[in-house]
C-alpha atoms as a PDB file:
ATOM      1  CA  MET A   1     -22.272  -5.699  -1.418  1.00  0.00           C
ATOM      2  CA  GLU A   2     -22.096  -2.389  -3.021  1.00  0.00           C
ATOM      3  CA  GLU A   3     -21.443  -1.553  -6.556  1.00  0.00           C
ATOM      4  CA  ALA A   4     -18.586   1.172  -7.064  1.00  0.00           C
ATOM      5  CA  GLU A   5     -16.566   2.060  -9.803  1.00  0.00           C
ATOM      6  CA  ILE A   6     -13.340   0.189 -10.803  1.00  0.00           C
ATOM      7  CA  ILE A   7     -10.297   1.482 -12.071  1.00  0.00           C
ATOM      8  CA  LYS A   8      -7.608  -1.051 -14.199  1.00  0.00           C
ATOM      9  CA  LEU A   9      -4.089  -0.373 -13.074  1.00  0.00           C
ATOM     10  CA  ASN A  10      -1.260  -2.135 -15.065  1.00  0.00           C
ATOM     11  CA  ARG A  11       1.894  -2.766 -13.730  1.00  0.00           C
ATOM     12  CA  ILE A  12       3.828   0.189 -14.361  1.00  0.00           C
ATOM     13  CA  GLU A  13       1.065   2.337 -12.584  1.00  0.00           C
ATOM     14  CA  MET A  14       1.081  -0.208  -9.515  1.00  0.00           C
ATOM     15  CA  ASN A  15       4.649  -0.138  -9.392  1.00  0.00           C
ATOM     16  CA  ASN A  16       4.490   3.891  -9.215  1.00  0.00           C
ATOM     17  CA  ILE A  17       2.026   3.623  -6.328  1.00  0.00           C
ATOM     18  CA  ILE A  18       4.322   1.362  -4.515  1.00  0.00           C
ATOM     19  CA  ARG A  19       7.062   3.619  -5.264  1.00  0.00           C
ATOM     20  CA  GLY A  20       5.337   6.782  -4.526  1.00  0.00           C
ATOM     21  CA  LEU A  21       4.351   5.320  -0.476  1.00  0.00           C
ATOM     22  CA  ARG A  22       7.796   4.595  -0.169  1.00  0.00           C
ATOM     23  CA  LYS A  23       9.352   7.837  -1.086  1.00  0.00           C
ATOM     24  CA  VAL A  24       6.630   9.297   1.300  1.00  0.00           C
ATOM     25  CA  LEU A  25       7.757   7.124   4.226  1.00  0.00           C
ATOM     26  CA  ARG A  26      11.387   7.404   3.600  1.00  0.00           C
ATOM     27  CA  ASP A  27      12.540  10.050   5.952  1.00  0.00           C
ATOM     28  CA  TYR A  28       9.947   8.794   8.546  1.00  0.00           C
ATOM     29  CA  ASN A  29      11.494   5.112   8.343  1.00  0.00           C
ATOM     30  CA  ARG A  30      14.981   7.193   8.487  1.00  0.00           C
ATOM     31  CA  LYS A  31      13.580   8.712  11.675  1.00  0.00           C
ATOM     32  CA  ILE A  32      12.323   5.743  13.687  1.00  0.00           C
ATOM     33  CA  LYS A  33      15.305   3.557  12.631  1.00  0.00           C
ATOM     34  CA  GLU A  34      17.340   4.147  15.448  1.00  0.00           C
ATOM     35  CA  ARG A  35      14.254   2.592  17.594  1.00  0.00           C
ATOM     36  CA  SER A  36      14.656  -0.747  15.378  1.00  0.00           C
ATOM     37  CA  LEU A  37      11.331  -0.074  13.423  1.00  0.00           C
ATOM     38  CA  TYR A  38      10.265  -0.317  10.194  1.00  0.00           C
ATOM     39  CA  LEU A  39       6.960   1.043   8.908  1.00  0.00           C
ATOM     40  CA  ARG A  40       5.962  -0.759   5.544  1.00  0.00           C
ATOM     41  CA  PRO A  41       3.141   0.899   3.552  1.00  0.00           C
ATOM     42  CA  TYR A  42       1.338  -1.948   2.190  1.00  0.00           C
ATOM     43  CA  ASN A  43       1.232  -5.639   2.689  1.00  0.00           C
ATOM     44  CA  LEU A  44       0.576  -8.442   0.206  1.00  0.00           C
ATOM     45  CA  VAL A  45      -1.818 -11.371   1.123  1.00  0.00           C
ATOM     46  CA  PHE A  46      -2.080 -14.460  -1.556  1.00  0.00           C
ATOM     47  CA  LYS A  47      -5.677 -15.967  -1.820  1.00  0.00           C
ATOM     48  CA  LYS A  48      -6.247 -19.906  -2.433  1.00  0.00           C
ATOM     49  CA  ASN A  49      -7.740 -18.808  -5.293  1.00  0.00           C
ATOM     50  CA  GLY A  50      -4.551 -17.226  -6.812  1.00  0.00           C
ATOM     51  CA  GLU A  51      -5.556 -13.603  -6.155  1.00  0.00           C
ATOM     52  CA  LYS A  52      -3.670 -11.152  -4.840  1.00  0.00           C
ATOM     53  CA  ILE A  53      -4.792  -8.619  -2.470  1.00  0.00           C
ATOM     54  CA  TYR A  54      -2.490  -5.479  -1.492  1.00  0.00           C
ATOM     55  CA  TYR A  55      -3.430  -3.847   1.441  1.00  0.00           C
ATOM     56  CA  ILE A  56      -2.312  -0.022   1.962  1.00  0.00           C
ATOM     57  CA  GLY A  57      -1.839   1.023   5.046  1.00  0.00           C
ATOM     58  CA  TYR A  58       0.392   0.212   8.610  1.00  0.00           C
ATOM     59  CA  TYR A  59       2.159  -2.566   8.679  1.00  0.00           C
ATOM     60  CA  TRP A  60       5.408  -2.395  11.734  1.00  0.00           C
ATOM     61  CA  PHE A  61       7.822  -4.288  11.756  1.00  0.00           C
ATOM     62  CA  THR A  62      10.994  -4.437  13.830  1.00  0.00           C
ATOM     63  CA  ILE A  63      14.547  -4.422  12.448  1.00  0.00           C
ATOM     64  CA  GLU A  64      16.872  -7.420  13.740  1.00  0.00           C
ATOM     65  CA  THR A  65      20.013  -8.077  12.945  1.00  0.00           C
ATOM     66  CA  LYS A  66      21.454 -11.762  12.772  1.00  0.00           C
ATOM     67  CA  ASN A  67      24.296 -12.856  11.049  1.00  0.00           C
ATOM     68  CA  ASN A  68      25.097  -9.534   9.672  1.00  0.00           C
ATOM     69  CA  ARG A  69      21.633  -9.377   7.812  1.00  0.00           C
ATOM     70  CA  SER A  70      18.764  -7.515   8.686  1.00  0.00           C
ATOM     71  CA  LEU A  71      15.508  -9.276   9.278  1.00  0.00           C
ATOM     72  CA  LEU A  72      11.984  -7.816   9.511  1.00  0.00           C
ATOM     73  CA  ARG A  73       9.666  -9.160  12.208  1.00  0.00           C
ATOM     74  CA  TYR A  74       6.035  -8.203  12.043  1.00  0.00           C
ATOM     75  CA  LYS A  75       4.942  -6.367  15.154  1.00  0.00           C
ATOM     76  CA  GLY A  76       1.254  -5.019  14.114  1.00  0.00           C
ATOM     77  CA  SER A  77      -0.704  -2.655  12.435  1.00  0.00           C
ATOM     78  CA  SER A  78      -1.213  -0.018  15.457  1.00  0.00           C
ATOM     79  CA  LYS A  79       2.013   2.183  15.807  1.00  0.00           C
ATOM     80  CA  PRO A  80       4.157   1.449  18.881  1.00  0.00           C
ATOM     81  CA  ALA A  81       4.270   3.936  21.648  1.00  0.00           C
ATOM     82  CA  ASP A  82       6.815   6.847  22.172  1.00  0.00           C
ATOM     83  CA  ILE A  83       7.705   7.391  18.353  1.00  0.00           C
ATOM     84  CA  PRO A  84       6.478  10.513  16.456  1.00  0.00           C
ATOM     85  CA  ASP A  85       3.162  10.039  14.487  1.00  0.00           C
ATOM     86  CA  PRO A  86       3.331   8.777  10.650  1.00  0.00           C
ATOM     87  CA  PRO A  87       2.057  10.187   7.884  1.00  0.00           C
ATOM     88  CA  GLU A  88      -1.785   9.668   7.313  1.00  0.00           C
ATOM     89  CA  ILE A  89      -1.750   6.682   4.822  1.00  0.00           C
ATOM     90  CA  PRO A  90      -4.879   5.922   3.491  1.00  0.00           C
ATOM     91  CA  ARG A  91      -6.191   2.663   4.271  1.00  0.00           C
ATOM     92  CA  VAL A  92      -7.086   0.998   0.959  1.00  0.00           C
ATOM     93  CA  LYS A  93      -6.906  -2.547  -0.942  1.00  0.00           C
ATOM     94  CA  ILE A  94      -5.958  -3.459  -4.804  1.00  0.00           C
ATOM     95  CA  LYS A  95      -6.615  -6.638  -6.010  1.00  0.00           C
ATOM     96  CA  ARG A  96      -4.592  -8.433  -8.563  1.00  0.00           C
ATOM     97  CA  SER A  97      -6.416 -11.080 -10.747  1.00  0.00           C
ATOM     98  CA  HIS A  98      -5.355 -12.373 -14.072  1.00  0.00           C
ATOM     99  CA  GLY A  99      -2.703  -9.647 -14.077  1.00  0.00           C
ATOM    100  CA  GLU A 100      -4.830  -6.699 -13.609  1.00  0.00           C
ATOM    101  CA  TYR A 101      -4.868  -4.530 -10.940  1.00  0.00           C
ATOM    102  CA  LEU A 102      -8.068  -3.460  -9.780  1.00  0.00           C
ATOM    103  CA  ILE A 103      -9.172  -0.557  -7.500  1.00  0.00           C
ATOM    104  CA  ASN A 104     -12.038   1.442  -6.248  1.00  0.00           C
ATOM    105  CA  LYS A 105     -12.035   4.766  -8.048  1.00  0.00           C
ATOM    106  CA  GLN A 106     -12.425   6.600  -4.428  1.00  0.00           C
ATOM    107  CA  ASP A 107      -9.349   4.682  -3.180  1.00  0.00           C
ATOM    108  CA  LEU A 108      -7.120   5.496  -5.832  1.00  0.00           C
ATOM    109  CA  GLU A 109      -8.150   8.999  -5.597  1.00  0.00           C
ATOM    110  CA  LYS A 110      -6.853   9.130  -2.033  1.00  0.00           C
ATOM    111  CA  LEU A 111      -3.747   7.448  -2.699  1.00  0.00           C
ATOM    112  CA  GLU A 112      -3.201  10.004  -5.641  1.00  0.00           C
ATOM    113  CA  ARG A 113      -3.743  13.124  -3.088  1.00  0.00           C
ATOM    114  CA  PHE A 114      -1.421  11.194  -0.567  1.00  0.00           C
ATOM    115  CA  ILE A 115       1.708  10.600  -2.935  1.00  0.00           C
ATOM    116  CA  GLY A 116       1.222  13.534  -4.789  1.00  0.00           C
ATOM    117  CA  ILE A 117       1.025  12.146  -8.041  1.00  0.00           C
ATOM    118  CA  LYS A 118      -1.621  11.156 -10.923  1.00  0.00           C
ATOM    119  CA  ILE A 119      -1.372   7.628 -11.370  1.00  0.00           C
ATOM    120  CA  LYS A 120      -4.448   7.028 -14.094  1.00  0.00           C
ATOM    121  CA  GLU A 121      -5.893   9.923 -16.645  1.00  0.00           C
ATOM    122  CA  GLY A 122      -8.456  10.139 -19.103  1.00  0.00           C
ATOM    123  CA  GLN A 123     -11.547   8.094 -20.086  1.00  0.00           C
ATOM    124  CA  GLU A 124     -10.159   4.856 -19.912  1.00  0.00           C
ATOM    125  CA  ALA A 125      -9.692   5.038 -16.349  1.00  0.00           C
ATOM    126  CA  VAL A 126     -13.413   3.791 -15.432  1.00  0.00           C
ATOM    127  CA  VAL A 127     -13.740  -0.038 -16.244  1.00  0.00           C
ATOM    128  CA  GLU A 128     -17.125  -0.244 -14.666  1.00  0.00           C
ATOM    129  CA  LYS A 129     -19.561  -0.590 -11.772  1.00  0.00           C
ATOM    130  CA  VAL A 130     -18.857  -3.841 -10.316  1.00  0.00           C
ATOM    131  CA  LYS A 131     -18.903  -5.779  -7.432  1.00  0.00           C
ATOM    132  CA  PHE A 132     -15.460  -5.634  -5.302  1.00  0.00           C
ATOM    133  CA  ILE A 133     -13.854  -8.020  -3.349  1.00  0.00           C
END
């Protein structure tokens, strides 16, 4: 396993990432809604050891209506045919452990470029070189 510079994010910074991803995809999801599709920019996985991992990327769902409620059914990670290409979402992962969000420095930089905002600035950003996930 390779050592990498890991950045610690707080809850507000993590929420800014999620909000930024949703904002970038809002217009795209409006376009594909007529085909009962939804592109979610992340998936949260719960590990047995209590850790949570946010996988950033493409997660396609179909929108179904049942009893006047909208339900999302997972369709897969590859784009369905005959719809426009989505924005290029960087595929990264963010680990949540003991209340902290940990992300590889290069992955954070990719996300910042994609959503167009700076999440973390200053010297406090780099935690240390550690083995990551």
